[in-house]
Protein backbone atom coordinates (compact mmCIF):
# COMPACT_ATOMS: atom_id res chain seq x y z
CA UNK A 1 -1.73 -3.31 0.51
CA UNK A 2 -0.37 -6.70 1.65
CA UNK A 3 -0.15 -7.86 -1.99
CA UNK A 4 1.97 -4.71 -2.75
CA UNK A 5 4.39 -5.95 -0.08
CA UNK A 6 4.26 -9.53 -1.46
CA UNK A 7 2.92 -10.79 1.87
CA UNK A 8 0.17 -13.35 2.37
CA UNK A 9 -1.61 -13.09 5.68
CA UNK A 10 -3.41 -16.28 6.89
CA UNK A 11 -7.21 -16.22 7.47
CA UNK A 12 -7.55 -17.06 11.18
CA UNK A 13 -6.51 -14.92 14.14
CA UNK A 14 -4.43 -17.74 15.59
CA UNK A 15 -2.53 -18.17 12.33
CA UNK A 16 -2.05 -14.48 11.87
CA UNK A 17 -0.62 -14.27 15.39
CA UNK A 18 2.33 -16.48 14.33
CA UNK A 19 3.38 -14.41 11.27
CA UNK A 20 6.29 -11.97 11.49
CA UNK A 21 8.93 -11.20 13.99
CA UNK A 22 7.97 -11.50 17.64
CA UNK A 23 7.91 -8.14 19.51
CA UNK A 24 8.01 -7.25 23.17
CA UNK A 25 4.68 -6.94 24.94
CA UNK A 26 5.17 -3.17 25.47
CA UNK A 27 3.51 -0.38 23.53
CA UNK A 28 6.85 1.45 23.41
CA UNK A 29 8.23 -1.37 21.22
CA UNK A 30 5.35 -1.22 18.68
CA UNK A 31 5.30 0.59 15.46
CA UNK A 32 2.18 1.51 13.45
CA UNK A 33 1.26 -1.47 11.34
CA UNK A 34 2.36 -4.09 13.82
CA UNK A 35 -0.14 -6.92 14.47
CA UNK A 36 -1.38 -7.39 17.97
CA UNK A 37 -3.12 -10.54 19.15
CA UNK A 38 -5.71 -10.79 21.87
CA UNK A 39 -7.39 -13.66 23.77
CA UNK A 40 -7.33 -15.61 26.92
CA UNK A 41 -4.48 -17.76 28.02
CA UNK A 42 -2.75 -18.94 24.79
CA UNK A 43 -5.96 -18.94 22.75
CA UNK A 44 -5.86 -16.11 20.22
CA UNK A 45 -9.36 -14.89 19.41
CA UNK A 46 -8.86 -11.32 18.06
CA UNK A 47 -6.26 -9.41 15.99
CA UNK A 48 -5.72 -5.65 15.78
CA UNK A 49 -3.37 -3.42 13.92
CA UNK A 50 -1.28 -0.99 16.05
CA UNK A 51 -1.98 2.59 14.94
CA UNK A 52 0.49 4.37 17.19
CA UNK A 53 0.01 6.43 20.33
CA UNK A 54 -1.41 3.43 22.25
CA UNK A 55 -4.28 2.88 19.78
CA UNK A 56 -5.30 -0.20 17.92
CA UNK A 57 -7.57 -0.61 14.81
CA UNK A 58 -9.77 -3.72 14.95
CA UNK A 59 -13.08 -5.18 13.85
CA UNK A 60 -15.43 -4.59 16.80
CA UNK A 61 -17.88 -7.43 17.24
CA UNK A 62 -20.38 -5.30 19.23
CA UNK A 63 -20.27 -2.27 16.92
CA UNK A 64 -20.13 -4.47 13.78
CA UNK A 65 -17.52 -2.34 12.06
CA UNK A 66 -13.84 -1.43 12.11
CA UNK A 67 -12.96 0.99 14.86
CA UNK A 68 -10.00 2.47 16.61
CA UNK A 69 -9.57 1.90 20.36
CA UNK A 70 -7.19 2.87 23.06
CA UNK A 71 -4.84 0.39 24.80
CA UNK A 72 -3.55 2.93 27.27
CA UNK A 73 -5.67 2.14 30.29
CA UNK A 74 -4.35 -0.70 32.48
CA UNK A 75 -7.92 -1.85 32.92
CA UNK A 76 -8.89 -1.85 29.24
CA UNK A 77 -10.06 -5.00 27.57
CA UNK A 78 -7.06 -4.72 25.19
CA UNK A 79 -4.52 -4.59 28.08
CA UNK A 80 -6.19 -7.49 29.95
CA UNK A 81 -6.47 -9.71 26.75
CA UNK A 82 -3.15 -8.77 25.02
CA UNK A 83 -1.25 -11.97 24.15
CA UNK A 84 1.55 -10.81 21.88
CA UNK A 85 2.64 -8.65 18.93
CA UNK A 86 4.39 -9.22 15.56
CA UNK A 87 5.98 -7.11 12.99
CA UNK A 88 4.96 -8.00 9.48
CA UNK A 89 7.67 -5.87 7.92
CA UNK A 90 10.29 -8.32 9.22
CA UNK A 91 9.03 -10.97 6.78
CA UNK A 92 8.62 -8.68 3.66
CA UNK A 93 11.07 -9.28 0.91
CA UNK A 94 11.72 -5.77 -0.57
CA UNK A 95 13.04 -7.32 -3.78
CA UNK A 96 10.93 -10.34 -4.76
CA UNK A 97 12.48 -12.57 -7.39
CA UNK A 98 9.76 -11.67 -10.01
CA UNK A 99 10.65 -7.94 -9.73
CA UNK A 100 14.33 -8.27 -10.51
CA UNK A 101 15.59 -7.10 -13.80
CA UNK A 102 17.19 -9.96 -15.81
């Protein structure tokens, strides 16, 4: 899907947390598809994709698969470790140069 949007996403969680437009650390400001970074202090260790309705899609280390989890509870791991959020759509060029008619 990212290739269809002409967007390259870096490999590491830290690098991914720097791509796109910075968003407010508020679930009300998030849109489905936004990237959410998690960790401790300023160290990003985990990335999730906001699914809407206070839910995040992420690769679970303990379950060893991709799952959807809630961010709604104030005591949830995701709320305690939430560092920031970014919108990838802010960096997408809807008309890449190679798609223009010449």
